[in-house]
Amino acid sequence: MVRRDLFILLALLLVTSCQRCRGAHQADAGAPLSTAWLEGRVEPEALEPRRGGALTVRAMVEPATLNGLEGATSRETWTLRITRNLVTESLIAIDPSTLALVPQLAERWSDSQDHRTTTFHLRRDAKFHDGTPFTARDVLATFAAVMDTSRPTGAVRQDFGALEAFEAPDDFTVVLRWRAPSPFALRQVAKLPMLSAAQLAGDWRALAKAPLGTGPYRVEGWDKGAQVTLARVGDASLDRIVFRFVKDHTLAASMLERGEFDLMTTVQPTLWRALEAPTTQNAWAQRGYRRLVSVDNSYSYVAWNQARPVFADLQVRRGLAHLYPSELIARSVDLGLEPPTTCPYWVLGPQCAPDVQPLPFSIDAARALFQDAGFIDADGDGVRERDGVPLRFSFLVPSSSVRLGKVVPLLQEQARQAGAELVIEQVDVATLSARVNARDFDVVSRVWTESDLESDQFGTFHSSARDGGSNFVGYASAEADRLMEAIRSEWDEPRRRELERALHRRLYADQPYLFMTSRRSLDLARRRVHGLAPSLIWYDLRRVWVDD
């Protein structure tokens, strides 16, 4: 009897406690959400930074390499986020706040009056993570690796096509000589990681896993398929940064709610909008996390492989562009969180021509263009043919992409109505990257990100970059080539901006890509994390700290 009464008493206490807990949650959830929280704006902080602790970051994609020189994958988002300014440094850097060029491994630099000679004076205190001093020898080895056509460095080499020579008068001076001076040259130098001459001369498989750098963090470990861990060795606040690879958004959302991420990146629009509801279920996020929004210099696009005869036809590409239901996708997929774009430049920058309007969604316009291109449905099976070849193509889709899992079936339905057959081919991310690099695809959708306001489109769209460069769709236009060459040599900013706007017009008219949206970073950070400031370069994790 005593035990039964004790059990009832404990049960009543538990119920009362839960009711109080729910009441507290409802009170929290019922409180009005601040405008700053809803808009994802960073609010001022008066706290003093402290050293120590760890930061766990959700990374949606596991990079193929951490070698910032190797292949097109070296330019992928998470390779750069894990390594740039953290593991590796450059001669000069782009300041995350001002986007101005600032010293890094070079304490100062000078440019000749004709911009054909740039001289860098190196710091004398910089060391690699193995303790060896950083000298001009390492700079020369890095540039030699970039320019070596036997190395898989073509995607980086295309940025230095105007580099004529590099030399070192002494151990702490480096001189670059340019055959064709360009306003982009120094900004490309700022994106080039300086690596160890000794490691560059060795096995690049080791370099891919753990590059020796001069940054404040070294690669402590890479557990394939799980995470990369960086350990502090220099001037930074956090003892460790852990990048956990979770490509599945549903799993990542569950881990977020369990508190397994300090910085949750790539929050999906459905979760982002759902968390805005002032409900008990959302109290954990509204109390425990800040929302962070930034409009990146980044765009999503559909790429047509113009090595395929069907996509070499401009009328077909323009017809397919008319089948993109932008309003439906903005409303039902992106939930108003991704602004549309027609432009390869930053959507808020001065390079985009305001007179370029997106091709309207029109199945009739697509049908007419396909007809003009010679595609007719002669056998009545619903698929148009030209010279006996059906208007049929496959769309390579990463199996982990929630957005494309919604967008591509919509495109498939519009294509069907216009007499084209779109076949969805789902593959894992690694396979997709390999096939794109090998040009083994019909259609693919990707995201291009540039961590700078300035964007040199030469490597992406110039016809010379079709072999070994980033022009993997095989686009070729004499006018676009002329414009990109002129942009690269124009030092007067107003004239360069006009040329960039002309290039925007040409690219949209030619449709090598169907530009879809300007991407926004939608992230959540625990309130214990301080110093996060969105930037076109991403967050400067060197200045981030945590309180426990």
Protein backbone atom coordinates (compact mmCIF):
# COMPACT_ATOMS: atom_id res chain seq x y z
CA MET A 1 0.00 0.00 0.00
CA VAL A 2 2.82 2.36 0.87
CA ARG A 3 4.57 1.48 -2.37
CA ARG A 4 1.36 2.09 -4.35
CA ASP A 5 0.81 5.51 -2.68
CA LEU A 6 4.45 6.39 -3.30
CA PHE A 7 4.10 5.44 -6.97
CA ILE A 8 0.96 7.60 -7.34
CA LEU A 9 2.73 10.54 -5.64
CA LEU A 10 5.74 10.23 -7.96
CA ALA A 11 3.44 9.99 -10.98
CA LEU A 12 1.58 13.15 -9.92
CA LEU A 13 4.86 14.99 -9.42
CA LEU A 14 6.03 13.88 -12.86
CA VAL A 15 2.79 14.99 -14.52
CA THR A 16 2.94 18.35 -12.71
CA SER A 17 6.56 18.75 -13.76
CA CYS A 18 5.73 17.95 -17.40
CA GLN A 19 2.79 20.37 -17.34
CA ARG A 20 5.09 23.08 -16.00
CA CYS A 21 7.65 22.15 -18.68
CA ARG A 22 5.01 22.36 -21.40
CA GLY A 23 3.74 25.61 -19.95
CA ALA A 24 7.24 27.06 -20.03
CA HIS A 25 7.70 25.86 -23.61
CA GLN A 26 4.36 27.32 -24.62
CA ALA A 27 5.27 30.59 -22.97
CA ASP A 28 8.58 30.63 -24.81
CA ALA A 29 6.97 29.55 -28.06
CA GLY A 30 4.18 32.07 -27.69
CA ALA A 31 6.55 34.99 -27.29
CA PRO A 32 6.87 37.12 -30.44
CA LEU A 33 9.92 36.28 -32.53
CA SER A 34 12.29 39.15 -33.21
CA THR A 35 12.56 40.57 -36.71
CA ALA A 36 16.30 39.93 -36.60
CA TRP A 37 15.72 36.23 -35.83
CA LEU A 38 13.16 35.85 -38.60
CA GLU A 39 15.31 37.67 -41.15
CA GLY A 40 18.49 35.90 -40.10
CA ARG A 41 20.37 39.10 -39.29
CA VAL A 42 23.44 39.12 -37.05
CA GLU A 43 22.84 41.16 -33.93
CA PRO A 44 25.69 43.07 -32.20
CA GLU A 45 27.52 41.26 -29.39
CA ALA A 46 29.32 42.89 -26.49
CA LEU A 47 31.04 39.74 -25.20
CA GLU A 48 34.81 39.35 -25.16
CA PRO A 49 36.19 36.40 -27.18
CA ARG A 50 37.68 33.51 -25.27
CA ARG A 51 39.99 30.72 -26.39
CA GLY A 52 39.12 27.04 -26.26
CA GLY A 53 36.31 24.67 -27.08
CA ALA A 54 35.24 23.02 -30.31
CA LEU A 55 32.86 23.82 -33.13
CA THR A 56 30.98 21.11 -34.99
CA VAL A 57 29.87 22.12 -38.48
CA ARG A 58 27.46 20.24 -40.71
CA ALA A 59 28.99 19.88 -44.19
CA MET A 60 26.55 18.60 -46.78
CA VAL A 61 29.23 17.31 -49.18
CA GLU A 62 32.42 15.42 -48.43
CA PRO A 63 35.18 16.85 -50.62
CA ALA A 64 37.14 14.58 -52.94
CA THR A 65 40.40 16.29 -51.94
CA LEU A 66 41.83 18.88 -49.57
CA ASN A 67 44.52 19.76 -52.11
CA GLY A 68 43.53 23.23 -53.32
CA LEU A 69 45.45 22.76 -56.57
CA GLU A 70 44.08 19.45 -57.76
CA GLY A 71 41.41 19.26 -60.44
CA ALA A 72 38.03 20.94 -60.63
CA THR A 73 37.18 19.47 -57.23
CA SER A 74 39.77 21.80 -55.67
CA ARG A 75 37.34 24.63 -56.33
CA GLU A 76 34.36 22.93 -54.75
CA THR A 77 32.71 24.69 -51.86
CA TRP A 78 33.64 22.38 -48.99
CA THR A 79 37.24 21.93 -50.08
CA LEU A 80 37.61 25.71 -49.81
CA ARG A 81 35.62 26.09 -46.59
CA ILE A 82 37.68 23.46 -44.79
CA THR A 83 41.08 24.64 -45.99
CA ARG A 84 41.17 28.32 -47.05
CA ASN A 85 42.57 30.61 -44.32
CA LEU A 86 42.30 27.74 -41.83
CA VAL A 87 44.76 25.09 -43.05
CA THR A 88 46.34 26.91 -45.98
CA GLU A 89 47.15 30.55 -46.58
CA SER A 90 47.99 32.62 -49.64
CA LEU A 91 50.52 35.34 -50.40
CA ILE A 92 47.71 37.86 -50.02
CA ALA A 93 44.11 37.41 -48.95
CA ILE A 94 40.66 38.86 -49.54
CA ASP A 95 39.41 40.43 -46.32
CA PRO A 96 36.06 38.80 -45.42
CA SER A 97 34.56 42.09 -44.21
CA THR A 98 35.75 44.60 -46.80
CA LEU A 99 36.66 42.26 -49.70
CA ALA A 100 39.87 44.29 -50.07
CA LEU A 101 43.23 42.63 -50.68
CA VAL A 102 45.32 42.39 -47.50
CA PRO A 103 48.72 40.86 -46.64
CA GLN A 104 48.89 37.24 -45.54
CA LEU A 105 52.09 35.28 -46.20
CA ALA A 106 53.52 38.33 -47.94
CA GLU A 107 53.98 41.20 -45.51
CA ARG A 108 53.78 43.64 -48.43
CA TRP A 109 53.69 43.71 -52.23
CA SER A 110 54.07 46.19 -55.07
CA ASP A 111 52.85 46.38 -58.64
CA SER A 112 54.77 48.01 -61.48
CA GLN A 113 53.18 50.98 -63.23
CA ASP A 114 52.35 48.87 -66.29
CA HIS A 115 51.01 46.02 -64.05
CA ARG A 116 53.39 43.55 -65.71
CA THR A 117 55.55 42.89 -62.64
CA THR A 118 54.34 42.11 -59.12
CA THR A 119 56.84 41.79 -56.28
CA PHE A 120 56.00 40.07 -52.99
CA HIS A 121 58.08 40.44 -49.83
CA LEU A 122 57.45 37.40 -47.63
CA ARG A 123 57.04 37.21 -43.89
CA ARG A 124 60.04 35.69 -42.16
CA ASP A 125 58.13 34.09 -39.27
CA ALA A 126 55.74 31.82 -41.21
CA LYS A 127 56.15 28.04 -40.77
CA PHE A 128 54.42 24.99 -42.11
CA HIS A 129 52.66 22.66 -39.71
CA ASP A 130 55.69 20.35 -39.66
CA GLY A 131 57.85 23.23 -38.41
CA THR A 132 59.73 23.96 -41.63
CA PRO A 133 60.03 27.64 -42.57
CA PHE A 134 57.93 29.05 -45.40
CA THR A 135 60.21 30.59 -48.05
CA ALA A 136 60.23 31.64 -51.68
CA ARG A 137 61.13 28.04 -52.57
CA ASP A 138 57.63 26.96 -51.57
CA VAL A 139 56.04 29.76 -53.60
CA LEU A 140 57.98 28.74 -56.70
CA ALA A 141 57.07 25.07 -56.17
CA THR A 142 53.38 25.97 -55.86
CA PHE A 143 53.38 27.99 -59.08
CA ALA A 144 55.42 25.30 -60.84
CA ALA A 145 52.82 22.68 -59.87
CA VAL A 146 50.00 24.90 -61.13
CA MET A 147 51.69 25.51 -64.50
CA ASP A 148 52.82 21.88 -64.97
CA THR A 149 50.53 20.42 -67.64
CA SER A 150 51.34 16.89 -66.44
CA ARG A 151 49.71 17.70 -63.10
CA PRO A 152 45.91 17.64 -62.55
CA THR A 153 45.88 21.41 -61.96
CA GLY A 154 44.09 22.58 -65.10
CA ALA A 155 41.17 24.23 -63.29
CA VAL A 156 43.61 26.44 -61.38
CA ARG A 157 46.02 26.87 -64.30
CA GLN A 158 43.32 28.57 -66.35
CA ASP A 159 43.41 31.47 -63.86
CA PHE A 160 47.09 32.03 -64.56
CA GLY A 161 47.16 31.88 -68.33
CA ALA A 162 48.74 35.35 -68.43
CA LEU A 163 51.56 34.43 -66.04
CA GLU A 164 54.80 34.56 -68.02
CA ALA A 165 57.41 33.86 -65.35
CA PHE A 166 57.96 33.54 -61.60
CA GLU A 167 61.28 33.90 -59.87
CA ALA A 168 62.88 34.45 -56.47
CA PRO A 169 65.78 36.94 -56.15
CA ASP A 170 66.23 35.69 -52.56
CA ASP A 171 64.55 33.45 -49.98
CA PHE A 172 61.96 36.05 -49.03
CA THR A 173 61.21 37.83 -52.31
CA VAL A 174 59.07 36.52 -55.18
CA VAL A 175 58.52 38.26 -58.51
CA LEU A 176 55.65 37.41 -60.87
CA ARG A 177 55.81 38.60 -64.47
CA TRP A 178 52.64 38.88 -66.54
CA ARG A 179 52.53 38.77 -70.34
CA ALA A 180 49.06 40.31 -70.26
CA PRO A 181 48.26 42.31 -67.12
CA SER A 182 44.76 41.83 -65.73
CA PRO A 183 42.74 43.43 -62.92
CA PHE A 184 41.87 39.88 -61.80
CA ALA A 185 45.48 38.70 -61.45
CA LEU A 186 46.06 39.64 -57.81
CA ARG A 187 42.66 38.35 -56.76
CA GLN A 188 43.55 34.99 -58.29
CA VAL A 189 46.84 35.05 -56.36
CA ALA A 190 44.77 35.65 -53.22
CA LYS A 191 42.85 32.42 -53.90
CA LEU A 192 45.94 30.30 -54.52
CA PRO A 193 47.00 28.22 -51.48
CA MET A 194 50.71 28.15 -50.80
CA LEU A 195 51.84 24.56 -50.26
CA SER A 196 55.05 22.93 -49.08
CA ALA A 197 57.68 22.33 -51.77
CA ALA A 198 58.61 19.07 -50.06
CA GLN A 199 55.04 17.81 -50.00
CA LEU A 200 54.42 18.90 -53.60
CA ALA A 201 57.43 16.83 -54.65
CA GLY A 202 56.01 13.76 -52.91
CA ASP A 203 52.89 11.62 -53.14
CA TRP A 204 49.89 13.79 -53.95
CA ARG A 205 47.59 11.25 -52.31
CA ALA A 206 49.01 12.33 -48.94
CA LEU A 207 48.64 15.96 -49.98
CA ALA A 208 44.98 15.36 -50.83
CA LYS A 209 44.28 13.96 -47.34
CA ALA A 210 46.30 16.34 -45.17
CA PRO A 211 47.97 19.29 -46.91
CA LEU A 212 50.77 20.95 -45.00
CA GLY A 213 49.82 24.57 -44.62
CA THR A 214 50.80 27.64 -42.67
CA GLY A 215 47.30 28.39 -41.36
CA PRO A 216 46.18 28.38 -37.73
CA TYR A 217 44.82 24.82 -38.03
CA ARG A 218 46.28 21.53 -39.16
CA VAL A 219 44.36 18.51 -40.42
CA GLU A 220 44.23 16.27 -37.37
CA GLY A 221 42.29 13.51 -39.06
CA TRP A 222 39.95 12.59 -41.91
CA ASP A 223 37.54 9.79 -41.14
CA LYS A 224 36.28 9.04 -44.65
CA GLY A 225 32.54 9.24 -44.92
CA ALA A 226 32.24 10.81 -41.49
CA GLN A 227 34.28 13.92 -40.71
CA VAL A 228 37.42 16.02 -41.01
CA THR A 229 38.90 17.39 -37.78
CA LEU A 230 41.14 20.46 -37.62
CA ALA A 231 43.30 21.18 -34.56
CA ARG A 232 44.52 24.66 -33.62
CA VAL A 233 48.23 25.37 -33.98
CA GLY A 234 48.17 29.14 -34.43
CA ASP A 235 46.26 32.38 -33.92
CA ALA A 236 42.61 31.37 -33.59
CA SER A 237 40.09 30.93 -30.79
CA LEU A 238 38.67 27.43 -31.23
CA ASP A 239 40.77 24.44 -30.19
CA ARG A 240 39.09 22.23 -32.78
CA ILE A 241 36.77 22.46 -35.73
CA VAL A 242 34.95 19.32 -36.79
CA PHE A 243 33.28 19.17 -40.21
CA ARG A 244 30.74 16.33 -40.12
CA PHE A 245 29.58 15.07 -43.50
CA VAL A 246 25.82 14.57 -43.53
CA LYS A 247 24.35 14.81 -47.01
CA ASP A 248 20.86 13.59 -46.08
CA HIS A 249 18.84 16.63 -45.03
CA THR A 250 16.31 14.66 -42.98
CA LEU A 251 19.07 13.00 -40.97
CA ALA A 252 20.85 16.34 -40.57
CA ALA A 253 17.64 17.95 -39.26
CA SER A 254 17.27 15.18 -36.65
CA MET A 255 20.89 15.59 -35.58
CA LEU A 256 20.37 19.35 -35.34
CA GLU A 257 17.40 18.92 -33.00
CA ARG A 258 19.52 16.60 -30.84
CA GLY A 259 22.12 19.36 -30.56
CA GLU A 260 24.83 17.59 -32.58
CA PHE A 261 25.74 20.65 -34.68
CA ASP A 262 26.97 24.02 -33.48
CA LEU A 263 26.66 25.37 -37.00
CA MET A 264 24.02 23.77 -39.20
CA THR A 265 24.55 24.76 -42.83
CA THR A 266 22.31 24.31 -45.85
CA VAL A 267 19.02 24.35 -43.95
CA GLN A 268 16.29 23.33 -46.38
CA PRO A 269 13.50 25.83 -47.17
CA THR A 270 10.80 23.57 -45.69
CA LEU A 271 12.61 23.36 -42.33
CA TRP A 272 13.51 27.05 -42.40
CA ARG A 273 9.89 28.07 -42.88
CA ALA A 274 8.57 25.46 -40.44
CA LEU A 275 10.78 26.82 -37.64
CA GLU A 276 9.13 30.24 -37.96
CA ALA A 277 5.90 28.95 -36.43
CA PRO A 278 5.65 29.98 -32.72
CA THR A 279 4.84 26.46 -31.52
CA THR A 280 6.03 24.25 -28.68
CA GLN A 281 7.70 21.95 -31.20
CA ASN A 282 9.92 24.82 -32.37
CA ALA A 283 10.86 26.17 -28.94
CA TRP A 284 14.22 24.33 -28.97
CA ALA A 285 15.29 26.17 -32.12
CA GLN A 286 13.89 29.56 -31.23
CA ARG A 287 15.52 29.52 -27.78
CA GLY A 288 18.74 27.75 -28.62
CA TYR A 289 19.76 28.92 -32.11
CA ARG A 290 20.38 32.02 -34.16
CA ARG A 291 19.34 32.11 -37.81
CA LEU A 292 21.86 33.40 -40.36
CA VAL A 293 21.04 34.44 -43.92
CA SER A 294 23.37 35.71 -46.61
CA VAL A 295 23.00 36.19 -50.35
CA ASP A 296 26.06 34.46 -51.73
CA ASN A 297 27.86 35.10 -55.00
CA SER A 298 26.40 31.81 -56.02
CA TYR A 299 23.86 30.56 -58.52
CA SER A 300 22.11 27.33 -59.40
CA TYR A 301 21.96 26.33 -63.04
CA VAL A 302 21.10 23.62 -65.53
CA ALA A 303 24.01 22.77 -67.86
CA TRP A 304 23.48 21.39 -71.37
CA ASN A 305 26.38 19.31 -72.70
CA GLN A 306 26.97 20.92 -76.09
CA ALA A 307 29.19 18.04 -77.17
CA ARG A 308 25.84 16.29 -77.71
CA PRO A 309 24.43 17.32 -81.14
CA VAL A 310 20.99 18.06 -79.73
CA PHE A 311 22.36 20.63 -77.26
CA ALA A 312 24.68 22.18 -79.80
CA ASP A 313 21.45 23.56 -81.29
CA LEU A 314 20.63 26.98 -79.77
CA GLN A 315 16.94 26.64 -80.62
CA VAL A 316 16.73 23.46 -78.55
CA ARG A 317 18.49 25.10 -75.58
CA ARG A 318 16.21 28.12 -75.76
CA GLY A 319 13.17 25.88 -76.09
CA LEU A 320 14.16 23.99 -72.96
CA ALA A 321 14.68 27.28 -71.12
CA HIS A 322 11.05 28.17 -71.90
CA LEU A 323 10.03 24.99 -70.05
CA TYR A 324 11.46 26.13 -66.71
CA PRO A 325 8.41 26.93 -64.50
CA SER A 326 10.20 29.55 -62.40
CA GLU A 327 7.14 30.88 -60.55
CA LEU A 328 5.93 27.39 -59.62
CA ILE A 329 9.39 26.39 -58.37
CA ALA A 330 9.85 29.64 -56.43
CA ARG A 331 6.50 29.13 -54.73
CA SER A 332 6.35 25.38 -54.15
CA VAL A 333 10.01 24.33 -53.90
CA ASP A 334 12.09 27.33 -52.80
CA LEU A 335 9.28 28.88 -50.69
CA GLY A 336 10.36 32.37 -51.71
CA LEU A 337 13.87 31.92 -50.28
CA GLU A 338 15.91 31.87 -53.49
CA PRO A 339 15.74 34.95 -55.74
CA PRO A 340 15.64 34.15 -59.48
CA THR A 341 18.64 35.14 -61.59
CA THR A 342 19.70 35.24 -65.22
CA CYS A 343 23.27 36.23 -64.40
CA PRO A 344 26.64 34.52 -63.74
CA TYR A 345 27.70 37.38 -61.47
CA TRP A 346 26.65 38.30 -57.93
CA VAL A 347 22.97 39.19 -58.11
CA LEU A 348 23.50 42.33 -56.00
CA GLY A 349 26.63 43.43 -57.85
CA PRO A 350 27.12 45.92 -60.70
CA GLN A 351 27.96 43.31 -63.37
CA CYS A 352 24.41 42.07 -64.04
CA ALA A 353 22.57 43.88 -66.85
CA PRO A 354 19.18 45.05 -65.50
CA ASP A 355 17.57 44.86 -68.97
CA VAL A 356 17.99 41.07 -69.22
CA GLN A 357 14.65 39.45 -68.53
CA PRO A 358 14.16 35.70 -68.06
CA LEU A 359 12.57 33.77 -70.90
CA PRO A 360 8.91 33.29 -69.91
CA PHE A 361 7.55 29.87 -69.14
CA SER A 362 5.72 28.81 -72.31
CA ILE A 363 5.14 25.30 -73.58
CA ASP A 364 3.91 26.76 -76.89
CA ALA A 365 7.16 28.73 -77.34
CA ALA A 366 9.17 25.57 -76.64
CA ARG A 367 7.13 23.57 -79.17
CA ALA A 368 7.68 26.24 -81.83
CA LEU A 369 11.44 26.31 -81.24
CA PHE A 370 11.69 22.51 -81.34
CA GLN A 371 9.69 22.57 -84.60
CA ASP A 372 12.01 25.20 -86.09
CA ALA A 373 14.99 23.03 -85.08
CA GLY A 374 13.52 20.20 -87.18
CA PHE A 375 12.07 18.08 -84.37
CA ILE A 376 8.59 16.75 -85.23
CA ASP A 377 6.56 13.85 -83.88
CA ALA A 378 6.21 11.93 -87.13
CA ASP A 379 5.25 8.59 -85.57
CA GLY A 380 2.75 9.99 -83.07
CA ASP A 381 4.41 8.48 -79.98
CA GLY A 382 4.55 11.84 -78.19
CA VAL A 383 8.32 12.31 -78.65
CA ARG A 384 9.65 14.53 -81.42
CA GLU A 385 12.39 13.25 -83.75
CA ARG A 386 14.90 14.79 -86.14
CA ASP A 387 16.52 12.58 -88.76
CA GLY A 388 15.15 9.59 -86.87
CA VAL A 389 16.78 10.60 -83.58
CA PRO A 390 14.26 11.28 -80.77
CA LEU A 391 14.40 14.41 -78.61
CA ARG A 392 15.34 12.30 -75.62
CA PHE A 393 18.01 13.03 -72.99
CA SER A 394 18.98 12.05 -69.46
CA PHE A 395 19.20 14.42 -66.52
CA LEU A 396 21.96 13.46 -64.08
CA VAL A 397 20.64 14.06 -60.53
CA PRO A 398 22.51 13.56 -57.25
CA SER A 399 20.45 11.18 -55.13
CA SER A 400 21.05 13.35 -52.05
CA SER A 401 19.58 16.56 -53.52
CA VAL A 402 16.16 17.33 -52.06
CA ARG A 403 15.69 20.40 -54.24
CA LEU A 404 16.51 18.67 -57.52
CA GLY A 405 14.38 15.74 -56.44
CA LYS A 406 11.46 18.19 -56.64
CA VAL A 407 12.59 20.41 -59.52
CA VAL A 408 13.60 17.81 -62.13
CA PRO A 409 10.25 15.93 -62.14
CA LEU A 410 8.56 19.29 -62.81
CA LEU A 411 10.90 19.85 -65.75
CA GLN A 412 10.24 16.29 -66.89
CA GLU A 413 6.49 16.95 -67.03
CA GLN A 414 6.90 20.22 -68.96
CA ALA A 415 9.28 18.52 -71.42
CA ARG A 416 6.74 15.74 -72.00
CA GLN A 417 4.05 18.25 -72.89
CA ALA A 418 6.39 19.89 -75.40
CA GLY A 419 7.33 16.58 -77.05
CA ALA A 420 10.68 15.93 -75.38
CA GLU A 421 11.53 12.96 -73.17
CA LEU A 422 13.60 13.73 -70.08
CA VAL A 423 14.93 10.62 -68.32
CA ILE A 424 15.95 11.06 -64.68
CA GLU A 425 19.22 9.33 -63.80
CA GLN A 426 20.00 9.36 -60.08
CA VAL A 427 23.61 8.83 -58.98
CA ASP A 428 25.67 9.50 -55.88
CA VAL A 429 27.64 12.75 -55.62
CA ALA A 430 31.03 11.16 -56.29
CA THR A 431 29.76 9.48 -59.46
CA LEU A 432 28.14 12.70 -60.63
CA SER A 433 31.37 14.67 -60.17
CA ALA A 434 33.40 12.02 -61.99
CA ARG A 435 31.01 11.92 -64.92
CA VAL A 436 30.84 15.70 -65.20
CA ASN A 437 34.65 15.89 -65.15
CA ALA A 438 34.71 13.24 -67.89
CA ARG A 439 31.99 15.12 -69.87
CA ASP A 440 29.88 11.95 -69.66
CA PHE A 441 26.40 13.45 -69.26
CA ASP A 442 23.53 15.03 -71.21
CA VAL A 443 22.14 17.46 -68.64
CA VAL A 444 23.17 18.23 -65.08
CA SER A 445 22.28 20.87 -62.51
CA ARG A 446 24.94 22.31 -60.24
CA VAL A 447 25.72 25.33 -58.09
CA TRP A 448 28.60 27.69 -58.84
CA THR A 449 30.01 29.69 -55.93
CA GLU A 450 32.59 32.46 -56.09
CA SER A 451 33.98 33.69 -52.76
CA ASP A 452 34.58 37.20 -54.04
CA LEU A 453 32.66 40.11 -55.53
CA GLU A 454 34.85 39.95 -58.66
CA SER A 455 34.25 36.99 -60.95
CA ASP A 456 36.41 36.18 -63.95
CA GLN A 457 34.17 34.12 -66.25
CA PHE A 458 37.03 33.16 -68.57
CA GLY A 459 37.65 29.71 -67.09
CA THR A 460 33.94 28.85 -67.10
CA PHE A 461 32.81 30.04 -70.52
CA HIS A 462 35.83 30.78 -72.75
CA SER A 463 36.21 28.28 -75.60
CA SER A 464 39.86 27.68 -74.65
CA ALA A 465 38.71 26.27 -71.29
CA ARG A 466 36.81 23.38 -72.87
CA ASP A 467 39.79 21.05 -72.51
CA GLY A 468 41.08 20.81 -68.94
CA GLY A 469 39.29 23.93 -67.72
CA SER A 470 35.89 24.51 -66.15
CA ASN A 471 33.98 24.93 -69.42
CA PHE A 472 32.66 21.39 -69.10
CA VAL A 473 29.59 22.08 -71.28
CA GLY A 474 31.78 22.87 -74.31
CA TYR A 475 30.33 26.34 -74.92
CA ALA A 476 31.98 28.31 -77.72
CA SER A 477 31.11 31.82 -78.89
CA ALA A 478 33.45 34.19 -80.71
CA GLU A 479 31.63 37.19 -79.26
CA ALA A 480 31.69 35.84 -75.71
CA ASP A 481 35.40 35.02 -76.09
CA ARG A 482 36.10 38.57 -77.27
CA LEU A 483 34.20 40.05 -74.35
CA MET A 484 35.95 37.87 -71.76
CA GLU A 485 39.34 38.70 -73.21
CA ALA A 486 38.50 42.41 -73.14
CA ILE A 487 37.23 42.17 -69.56
CA ARG A 488 40.48 40.51 -68.47
CA SER A 489 42.53 43.42 -69.82
CA GLU A 490 40.29 46.38 -68.86
CA TRP A 491 41.57 48.30 -65.83
CA ASP A 492 38.99 51.07 -65.96
CA GLU A 493 36.21 49.81 -63.68
CA PRO A 494 33.20 51.56 -65.33
CA ARG A 495 34.26 50.26 -68.77
CA ARG A 496 34.87 46.79 -67.34
CA ARG A 497 31.40 46.75 -65.78
CA GLU A 498 29.82 47.59 -69.14
CA LEU A 499 31.73 44.76 -70.79
CA GLU A 500 30.58 42.40 -68.02
CA ARG A 501 26.98 43.44 -68.58
CA ALA A 502 27.42 42.79 -72.31
CA LEU A 503 28.77 39.33 -71.48
CA HIS A 504 25.75 38.70 -69.28
CA ARG A 505 23.48 39.55 -72.22
CA ARG A 506 25.42 37.27 -74.58
CA LEU A 507 25.44 34.32 -72.19
CA TYR A 508 21.74 34.55 -71.47
CA ALA A 509 20.94 34.78 -75.17
CA ASP A 510 23.08 31.71 -75.92
CA GLN A 511 21.84 29.65 -72.94
CA PRO A 512 24.95 27.52 -72.31
CA TYR A 513 23.45 27.32 -68.83
CA LEU A 514 19.89 27.87 -67.74
CA PHE A 515 20.51 30.19 -64.79
CA MET A 516 17.88 29.46 -62.15
CA THR A 517 18.35 31.09 -58.75
CA SER A 518 20.79 33.10 -56.72
CA ARG A 519 21.53 30.90 -53.77
CA ARG A 520 21.18 32.07 -50.19
CA SER A 521 22.96 30.52 -47.24
CA LEU A 522 20.35 29.46 -44.68
CA ASP A 523 22.19 28.43 -41.52
CA LEU A 524 21.49 27.90 -37.82
CA ALA A 525 24.08 28.52 -35.12
CA ARG A 526 23.80 27.62 -31.45
CA ARG A 527 23.69 30.64 -29.16
CA ARG A 528 26.95 29.51 -27.55
CA VAL A 529 28.70 30.32 -30.84
CA HIS A 530 29.92 33.89 -31.30
CA GLY A 531 31.69 35.85 -34.01
CA LEU A 532 29.83 34.41 -37.01
CA ALA A 533 29.51 37.10 -39.67
CA PRO A 534 28.14 36.12 -43.11
CA SER A 535 30.40 37.13 -45.99
CA LEU A 536 30.84 36.32 -49.67
CA ILE A 537 33.91 34.39 -48.49
CA TRP A 538 31.76 32.46 -45.97
CA TYR A 539 32.37 32.68 -42.22
CA ASP A 540 35.79 33.54 -40.88
CA LEU A 541 36.11 30.64 -38.45
CA ARG A 542 39.45 31.98 -37.23
CA ARG A 543 37.47 34.63 -35.34
CA VAL A 544 34.68 32.39 -34.07
CA TRP A 545 34.58 31.37 -30.41
CA VAL A 546 32.27 29.49 -28.07
CA ASP A 547 31.22 29.76 -24.46
CA ASP A 548 30.44 26.59 -22.52
